[in-house]
Amino acid sequence: MENREGPGLIFHSDRGSQYASAAFAKQIKAFAMRPSMSRKGDCWDNAVAESLFGSLKTESLHRHDFGTRRAASDEIMAWITSYNHSRLHSTLGYVSPMVYEKKWLATKQAEAA
């Protein structure tokens, strides 16, 4: 495992034993990542992440047989880019995540001015 994003990257997981282990916690700390885990018995903590990963798997990954890790990585990045730029979300007012973020940033900049 390698943290290419830099310190502060958040790793969100469910309460699986592999993620709750001391060895995993040590690895997260070594990469200067921040652990984030669902609360016990609260499936909604992880609902957004689970929905995203479910969509990724059914819309993209299950249709491919990747010959290399690079090919899989490239497909995932292409899917995420498309998702962020074009997928409309009811919880975001039926705009894409990128449009929502741009509107949010513009609002914050206007408030700061």
Foldseek 3Di string as FASTA:
>chain_A
DADPPAAAAEDEDEVDPVCVDPVNVVVCVVRNYHYHYDDPPDPVVCVVVVVVVVCCCVVFVVVDDDPDVVVVVVRSVVVVVCQQQQPFDVVQVGHHVVVSVVVVVVVVVVVVD
